[in-house]
Protein backbone atom coordinates (compact mmCIF):
# COMPACT_ATOMS: atom_id res chain seq x y z
CA MET A 1 -43.76 141.91 -85.87
CA ASN A 2 -41.76 142.65 -82.72
CA LYS A 3 -44.19 140.48 -80.77
CA ILE A 4 -43.33 137.58 -83.06
CA PHE A 5 -39.56 137.93 -83.33
CA GLY A 6 -37.83 138.30 -79.98
CA LYS A 7 -34.57 136.99 -78.59
CA ILE A 8 -36.01 133.52 -77.89
CA GLN A 9 -37.33 133.13 -81.43
CA ILE A 10 -34.04 134.23 -82.99
CA ALA A 11 -32.14 131.86 -80.67
CA VAL A 12 -34.34 128.90 -81.69
CA ILE A 13 -33.76 129.53 -85.40
CA ALA A 14 -30.01 130.13 -84.90
CA VAL A 15 -29.57 126.85 -82.99
CA LEU A 16 -31.35 124.87 -85.70
CA ILE A 17 -29.12 126.40 -88.38
CA LEU A 18 -25.86 125.91 -86.45
CA ILE A 19 -26.33 122.27 -85.37
CA PRO A 20 -24.60 120.70 -88.44
CA LEU A 21 -21.59 122.96 -87.89
CA LEU A 22 -21.32 121.86 -84.26
CA PHE A 23 -22.17 118.18 -84.87
CA PRO A 24 -21.09 117.35 -88.46
CA ASP A 25 -20.93 113.57 -87.90
CA ALA A 26 -23.58 111.66 -89.91
CA TYR A 27 -24.77 109.79 -86.82
CA TYR A 28 -25.57 113.00 -84.94
CA LEU A 29 -27.15 114.59 -87.99
CA GLN A 30 -29.49 111.59 -88.26
CA ILE A 31 -30.46 111.95 -84.60
CA PHE A 32 -31.08 115.68 -84.91
CA SER A 33 -33.09 115.13 -88.10
CA LEU A 34 -35.29 112.68 -86.20
CA ILE A 35 -35.71 115.20 -83.38
CA LEU A 36 -36.83 117.82 -85.89
CA VAL A 37 -39.48 115.45 -87.24
CA PHE A 38 -40.85 114.98 -83.74
CA ALA A 39 -40.61 118.73 -83.11
CA ILE A 40 -42.87 119.33 -86.13
CA TYR A 41 -45.18 116.54 -84.97
CA SER A 42 -45.34 118.04 -81.47
CA MET A 43 -45.99 121.54 -82.83
CA SER A 44 -48.89 120.09 -84.82
CA TRP A 45 -50.35 118.57 -81.65
CA ASN A 46 -49.75 121.76 -79.68
CA ILE A 47 -51.83 123.83 -82.14
CA LEU A 48 -54.85 121.78 -81.07
CA THR A 49 -54.33 122.84 -77.46
CA TYR A 50 -54.50 126.52 -78.47
CA SER A 51 -58.23 125.99 -78.98
CA GLY A 52 -58.71 123.74 -75.95
CA GLN A 53 -58.61 120.41 -77.82
CA VAL A 54 -56.65 117.27 -76.99
CA SER A 55 -55.82 114.32 -79.25
CA LEU A 56 -54.58 110.93 -78.08
CA GLY A 57 -54.62 109.46 -81.57
CA HIS A 58 -52.48 111.85 -83.58
CA ALA A 59 -50.49 108.89 -84.90
CA ALA A 60 -53.44 108.37 -87.28
CA PHE A 61 -52.60 111.59 -89.12
CA LEU A 62 -48.86 111.01 -88.84
CA GLY A 63 -49.41 107.69 -90.62
CA ILE A 64 -51.94 108.93 -93.18
CA GLY A 65 -49.56 111.68 -94.30
CA ALA A 66 -46.69 109.20 -94.46
CA TYR A 67 -48.57 106.53 -96.43
CA SER A 68 -50.04 109.10 -98.81
CA SER A 69 -46.64 110.59 -99.56
CA VAL A 70 -44.96 107.20 -100.08
CA LEU A 71 -47.74 105.94 -102.37
CA LEU A 72 -47.73 109.14 -104.44
CA ALA A 73 -43.97 108.86 -104.92
CA LYS A 74 -44.09 105.13 -105.67
CA ASN A 75 -47.18 104.82 -107.87
CA ILE A 76 -47.30 108.19 -109.63
CA GLY A 77 -43.58 108.90 -109.70
CA LEU A 78 -43.67 112.31 -108.06
CA PRO A 79 -40.47 113.39 -106.26
CA PRO A 80 -40.56 113.03 -102.45
CA LEU A 81 -39.71 116.72 -102.06
CA LEU A 82 -43.13 117.35 -103.59
CA THR A 83 -45.13 114.47 -102.09
CA ILE A 84 -44.14 115.42 -98.52
CA PHE A 85 -46.36 118.49 -98.99
CA ILE A 86 -49.13 116.84 -101.05
CA GLY A 87 -49.54 113.69 -98.95
CA PRO A 88 -50.49 115.57 -95.77
CA ILE A 89 -53.46 117.09 -97.62
CA PHE A 90 -55.13 113.67 -97.31
CA ALA A 91 -54.52 113.80 -93.54
CA ALA A 92 -56.08 117.28 -93.38
CA VAL A 93 -59.13 116.23 -95.44
CA ILE A 94 -59.72 113.22 -93.20
CA GLY A 95 -59.12 115.51 -90.22
CA LEU A 96 -61.81 117.84 -91.58
CA ALA A 97 -64.30 114.98 -91.96
CA LEU A 98 -63.57 113.67 -88.48
CA GLY A 99 -63.62 117.17 -87.03
CA ILE A 100 -67.08 117.96 -88.39
CA ILE A 101 -68.37 114.85 -86.62
CA VAL A 102 -66.58 114.94 -83.27
CA LEU A 103 -65.39 118.47 -82.48
CA ARG A 104 -68.51 119.26 -80.48
CA LEU A 105 -67.13 116.87 -77.85
CA ARG A 106 -65.20 118.20 -74.86
CA GLU A 107 -61.44 117.76 -74.50
CA TRP A 108 -61.04 114.27 -73.05
CA PHE A 109 -64.02 112.79 -74.90
CA LEU A 110 -62.38 114.04 -78.10
CA ALA A 111 -59.09 112.54 -76.93
CA MET A 112 -60.64 109.09 -76.58
CA VAL A 113 -62.37 109.31 -79.97
CA THR A 114 -59.09 110.21 -81.70
CA PHE A 115 -57.34 107.37 -79.85
CA GLY A 116 -59.92 104.92 -81.20
CA PHE A 117 -59.70 106.45 -84.66
CA SER A 118 -55.96 105.76 -84.79
CA LEU A 119 -56.58 102.07 -84.11
CA ILE A 120 -59.28 102.00 -86.80
CA VAL A 121 -56.93 103.51 -89.39
CA GLN A 122 -54.27 100.92 -88.55
CA ALA A 123 -56.84 98.13 -88.99
CA ILE A 124 -57.82 99.53 -92.40
CA ILE A 125 -54.19 99.72 -93.54
CA VAL A 126 -53.57 96.02 -92.77
CA ASP A 127 -56.86 94.85 -94.28
CA ASP A 128 -56.30 92.20 -96.97
CA ARG A 129 -58.38 94.19 -99.46
CA LEU A 130 -55.76 96.97 -99.37
CA ARG A 131 -52.77 94.66 -99.42
CA PHE A 132 -52.12 95.43 -103.10
CA LEU A 133 -51.59 99.06 -102.07
CA THR A 134 -50.08 98.95 -98.57
CA ASP A 135 -48.64 95.40 -98.43
CA GLY A 136 -50.14 95.00 -94.95
CA TRP A 137 -47.71 94.42 -92.09
CA ASN A 138 -44.83 93.93 -94.54
CA GLY A 139 -44.74 97.65 -95.24
CA ILE A 140 -43.36 99.65 -98.16
CA PHE A 141 -39.94 101.06 -98.93
CA ALA A 142 -39.87 104.85 -99.32
CA LYS A 143 -37.77 106.96 -101.66
CA PRO A 144 -35.22 109.23 -99.94
CA LEU A 145 -35.77 112.98 -99.90
CA VAL A 146 -32.64 113.91 -101.83
CA GLY A 147 -31.39 110.64 -103.30
CA TYR A 148 -28.25 108.78 -102.37
CA ILE A 149 -25.52 111.43 -102.49
CA SER A 150 -22.24 111.76 -100.60
CA ASN A 151 -23.45 114.48 -98.22
CA TYR A 152 -26.93 112.99 -97.85
CA GLN A 153 -27.25 113.47 -94.07
CA PHE A 154 -26.11 117.09 -94.28
CA MET A 155 -28.60 117.94 -97.02
CA ASN A 156 -31.30 115.90 -95.32
CA TYR A 157 -30.84 117.79 -92.05
CA TYR A 158 -31.07 121.20 -93.69
CA ILE A 159 -34.25 120.24 -95.53
CA MET A 160 -35.70 119.13 -92.19
CA ALA A 161 -34.44 122.29 -90.46
CA THR A 162 -35.87 124.58 -93.16
CA ILE A 163 -39.29 122.94 -92.89
CA THR A 164 -39.12 122.97 -89.08
CA ILE A 165 -38.33 126.70 -89.08
CA GLY A 166 -41.20 127.25 -91.52
CA VAL A 167 -43.64 125.35 -89.29
CA TYR A 168 -42.31 127.22 -86.24
CA LEU A 169 -42.90 130.58 -87.97
CA ILE A 170 -46.43 129.47 -88.90
CA THR A 171 -47.17 128.60 -85.26
CA LEU A 172 -45.73 131.95 -84.15
CA ILE A 173 -47.91 133.84 -86.62
CA ILE A 174 -51.00 131.87 -85.61
CA TYR A 175 -50.23 132.38 -81.92
CA ASN A 176 -50.02 136.18 -82.34
CA SER A 177 -52.82 136.62 -84.90
CA LYS A 178 -56.57 137.15 -84.67
CA LEU A 179 -56.93 133.44 -85.40
CA GLY A 180 -54.75 132.66 -82.39
CA TYR A 181 -56.71 135.03 -80.19
CA ALA A 182 -59.93 133.29 -81.23
CA PHE A 183 -58.36 129.93 -80.35
CA LYS A 184 -57.32 131.25 -76.93
CA ALA A 185 -60.80 132.67 -76.28
CA ILE A 186 -62.32 129.24 -77.00
CA ASP A 187 -59.74 127.57 -74.77
CA GLU A 188 -60.41 129.91 -71.85
CA ASN A 189 -64.21 129.88 -72.02
CA GLU A 190 -66.00 128.39 -75.03
CA THR A 191 -69.44 129.56 -73.89
CA LEU A 192 -68.26 133.14 -73.47
CA ALA A 193 -66.50 132.94 -76.84
CA LYS A 194 -69.80 131.93 -78.47
CA ILE A 195 -71.62 134.81 -76.80
CA SER A 196 -68.97 137.25 -78.08
CA GLY A 197 -69.71 136.14 -81.65
CA ILE A 198 -66.92 133.62 -82.30
CA ASN A 199 -67.98 130.63 -84.40
CA THR A 200 -66.33 128.14 -82.06
CA THR A 201 -67.06 125.06 -84.17
CA LEU A 202 -65.52 126.65 -87.27
CA TYR A 203 -62.38 127.76 -85.43
CA LYS A 204 -61.95 124.36 -83.80
CA ILE A 205 -62.22 122.71 -87.22
CA ILE A 206 -59.60 125.13 -88.58
CA ALA A 207 -57.26 124.26 -85.70
CA PHE A 208 -57.89 120.55 -86.30
CA MET A 209 -57.15 120.83 -90.03
CA ILE A 210 -53.92 122.79 -89.51
CA SER A 211 -52.87 120.32 -86.84
CA THR A 212 -53.61 117.22 -88.91
CA TYR A 213 -51.87 118.62 -92.00
CA LEU A 214 -48.70 119.32 -90.01
CA ALA A 215 -48.88 115.89 -88.37
CA GLY A 216 -49.08 114.38 -91.86
CA LEU A 217 -46.11 116.49 -92.93
CA ALA A 218 -44.10 115.12 -89.99
CA GLY A 219 -45.07 111.59 -91.02
CA ALA A 220 -43.97 112.16 -94.61
CA LEU A 221 -40.63 113.56 -93.46
CA TYR A 222 -40.21 110.64 -91.08
CA VAL A 223 -40.47 107.98 -93.79
CA HIS A 224 -38.67 109.82 -96.60
CA GLY A 225 -35.96 111.37 -94.45
CA ILE A 226 -35.37 108.91 -91.59
CA THR A 227 -36.64 105.34 -91.95
CA LEU A 228 -36.98 105.05 -95.77
CA PHE A 229 -39.67 102.50 -94.93
CA ILE A 230 -43.24 102.57 -93.67
CA SER A 231 -45.39 99.94 -91.99
CA PRO A 232 -48.54 99.96 -89.83
CA GLU A 233 -46.23 100.27 -86.80
CA ILE A 234 -46.30 104.02 -87.41
CA PHE A 235 -49.81 104.03 -85.89
CA ASN A 236 -48.61 102.58 -82.57
CA VAL A 237 -49.78 104.06 -79.28
CA GLN A 238 -46.32 105.34 -78.40
CA ASN A 239 -46.35 107.62 -81.45
CA SER A 240 -49.63 109.13 -80.26
CA PHE A 241 -48.19 109.92 -76.83
CA TRP A 242 -44.79 111.32 -77.86
CA PRO A 243 -46.12 114.77 -78.89
CA LEU A 244 -48.02 115.05 -75.61
CA ILE A 245 -44.86 114.19 -73.64
CA PHE A 246 -42.62 116.55 -75.62
CA THR A 247 -45.10 119.42 -75.41
CA LEU A 248 -45.78 119.04 -71.69
CA ALA A 249 -42.05 118.95 -71.02
CA GLY A 250 -41.21 121.93 -73.19
CA GLY A 251 -44.21 124.11 -72.49
CA LEU A 252 -47.87 123.56 -73.32
CA LYS A 253 -49.53 126.20 -75.53
CA THR A 254 -46.22 127.92 -76.32
CA PRO A 255 -44.68 127.98 -79.82
CA GLU A 256 -41.20 127.04 -78.57
CA GLY A 257 -42.23 124.40 -76.04
CA PRO A 258 -42.62 121.45 -78.44
CA ILE A 259 -39.20 122.10 -80.01
CA LEU A 260 -37.37 122.35 -76.69
CA GLY A 261 -39.26 119.35 -75.30
CA ALA A 262 -38.46 117.21 -78.35
CA PHE A 263 -34.74 117.99 -78.05
CA VAL A 264 -34.47 117.45 -74.29
CA ILE A 265 -36.69 114.36 -73.97
CA TRP A 266 -35.45 112.60 -77.11
CA ILE A 267 -31.78 113.08 -76.21
CA ALA A 268 -32.56 111.83 -72.69
CA TRP A 269 -34.42 108.86 -74.22
CA ILE A 270 -31.45 107.93 -76.42
CA GLN A 271 -29.00 108.14 -73.53
CA LEU A 272 -31.23 106.19 -71.13
CA SER A 273 -32.12 103.52 -73.70
CA SER A 274 -28.43 102.74 -74.24
CA PHE A 275 -28.06 101.33 -70.72
CA ALA A 276 -31.52 101.15 -69.13
CA GLY A 277 -33.45 99.37 -71.89
CA TYR A 278 -37.19 99.33 -71.28
CA LEU A 279 -36.66 101.07 -67.94
CA ALA A 280 -35.88 104.18 -69.98
CA LEU A 281 -39.62 104.75 -70.47
CA LEU A 282 -40.13 104.68 -66.70
CA ALA A 283 -37.24 107.12 -66.28
CA ILE A 284 -38.75 109.47 -68.87
CA GLY A 285 -42.07 109.36 -67.01
CA PHE A 286 -40.30 110.23 -63.76
CA PHE A 287 -38.37 113.03 -65.49
CA LEU A 288 -41.61 114.43 -66.93
CA ALA A 289 -43.26 114.33 -63.49
CA ILE A 290 -40.33 116.30 -62.03
CA ILE A 291 -40.68 118.91 -64.78
CA ILE A 292 -44.43 119.26 -64.20
CA ILE A 293 -43.92 119.65 -60.43
CA PHE A 294 -41.04 122.14 -60.50
CA ALA A 295 -41.70 123.84 -63.85
CA PRO A 296 -45.46 123.51 -64.46
CA LYS A 297 -45.29 125.89 -67.43
CA GLY A 298 -42.57 123.79 -69.03
CA LEU A 299 -38.85 124.01 -69.63
CA ILE A 300 -39.21 127.04 -71.90
CA ASP A 301 -40.64 129.06 -69.01
CA LEU A 302 -37.90 127.81 -66.67
CA LEU A 303 -35.23 128.67 -69.24
CA THR A 304 -36.71 132.13 -69.75
CA ARG A 305 -36.75 132.85 -66.01
CA ILE A 306 -33.17 131.63 -65.56
CA THR A 307 -32.01 133.75 -68.51
CA ASN A 308 -33.76 136.83 -67.14
CA ARG A 309 -32.14 136.34 -63.74
CA ILE A 310 -28.70 136.00 -65.29
CA LEU A 311 -29.28 139.17 -67.30
CA GLY A 312 -30.53 140.97 -64.19
CA ARG A 313 -34.11 141.28 -65.40
CA GLN A 314 -35.96 138.96 -63.05
CA ILE A 315 -39.67 138.83 -63.74
């Protein structure tokens, strides 16, 4: 347990809890809620990297979870607080089916297949034969998580924060468990892992299912807690690359990296977009390159080293 809960982990949870007290304005709470959605989404993507896998089409599962949750709430009448957990099951099942077919591919071949799969899913969603269900490019309005109440943004943020902390704890437990060690063995040397008796295909499918479920959860939270609307735009290429950018910036294959990366990059994106417009994307790319050059293990590693130096425990 001590390996799981250290000072960094406690600090992450404390910051997430304290944000509404430091930034009580509804505008800031909306921004931080959006960041938490992308933190969950990035953590989902990062779990894949534990087992040496890379996806460039994770927006497919973000969108599948979102559409499933919205349709369950709209057509069956289930409350969004329930459908945000049920909808992602469809993403995980589709992830399982895709995983059985493609997970024997190496990292970047898998990345290209998932990228293509995301485009296929978008094409299916806008198909005229499904228009009665998805309304094509027009999209669908989504029910809010907690209804229209006076302190909506405050309640909305804490729901997001609670789920984010839960996902973070899950990634911590996986990272420090036998399952996590099997993932790491596959990542380091899949052939050697097979020789040592690890069923590499099974473990990669498990990683893929966990990852796709959490991506679907992020999608459901996005539409019920942020946009209150869903359209095929959720499958856009940018949404497939955001988790990669956030995770690389924060720290690849670390539980905290995606959270830190989502906060730093998204806040930078908002600030840059306000005066740089489309040049903001170029600036983010430059910023990411600087991080990779000077902090190749991510901002979480840099922050840890700086903290240790300040405390007189340089490592």
